[in-house]
Amino acid sequence: MLWSDPRDEPPEEMRKAQAMMRRAMLIVALGAALVMLVATWRS
């Protein structure tokens, strides 16, 4: 790779979208764990 080549980075919009998706997946995972805990306590 030449020094004049552009860096292989995703654009700013893509990075923001990836960060948002990461946060959304974390919230979904925590919510699923919470639902499982509540379901086991109720039975």
Protein backbone atom coordinates (compact mmCIF):
# COMPACT_ATOMS: atom_id res chain seq x y z
CA MET A 1 0.00 0.00 0.00
CA LEU A 2 1.36 3.37 -0.96
CA TRP A 3 1.62 6.20 1.51
CA SER A 4 -0.64 8.28 -0.73
CA ASP A 5 -3.48 5.71 -0.68
CA PRO A 6 -6.51 6.70 1.39
CA ARG A 7 -6.78 5.01 4.76
CA ASP A 8 -9.04 1.98 4.89
CA GLU A 9 -11.56 3.47 7.34
CA PRO A 10 -15.33 3.40 7.07
CA PRO A 11 -16.97 6.81 6.63
CA GLU A 12 -18.23 8.73 9.66
CA GLU A 13 -21.89 7.81 8.96
CA MET A 14 -21.01 4.12 8.87
CA ARG A 15 -19.14 4.32 12.17
CA LYS A 16 -22.08 6.08 13.82
CA ALA A 17 -24.51 3.47 12.48
CA GLN A 18 -22.28 0.64 13.72
CA ALA A 19 -22.08 2.21 17.20
CA MET A 20 -25.86 2.61 17.28
CA MET A 21 -26.37 -1.03 16.24
CA ARG A 22 -23.92 -2.18 18.91
CA ARG A 23 -25.88 -0.27 21.57
CA ALA A 24 -29.19 -1.61 20.29
CA MET A 25 -27.92 -5.21 20.37
CA LEU A 26 -26.65 -4.71 23.94
CA ILE A 27 -30.06 -3.41 25.04
CA VAL A 28 -31.82 -6.32 23.32
CA ALA A 29 -29.48 -8.85 24.97
CA LEU A 30 -29.96 -7.30 28.43
CA GLY A 31 -33.73 -7.19 27.90
CA ALA A 32 -33.81 -10.86 26.89
CA ALA A 33 -31.82 -11.82 30.01
CA LEU A 34 -34.20 -9.78 32.17
CA VAL A 35 -37.24 -11.47 30.59
CA MET A 36 -35.72 -14.91 31.24
CA LEU A 37 -35.03 -14.03 34.88
CA VAL A 38 -38.58 -12.75 35.42
CA ALA A 39 -40.01 -15.84 33.70
CA THR A 40 -38.05 -18.19 35.98
CA TRP A 41 -39.07 -16.29 39.12
CA ARG A 42 -42.76 -16.43 38.22
CA SER A 43 -42.87 -20.20 37.65
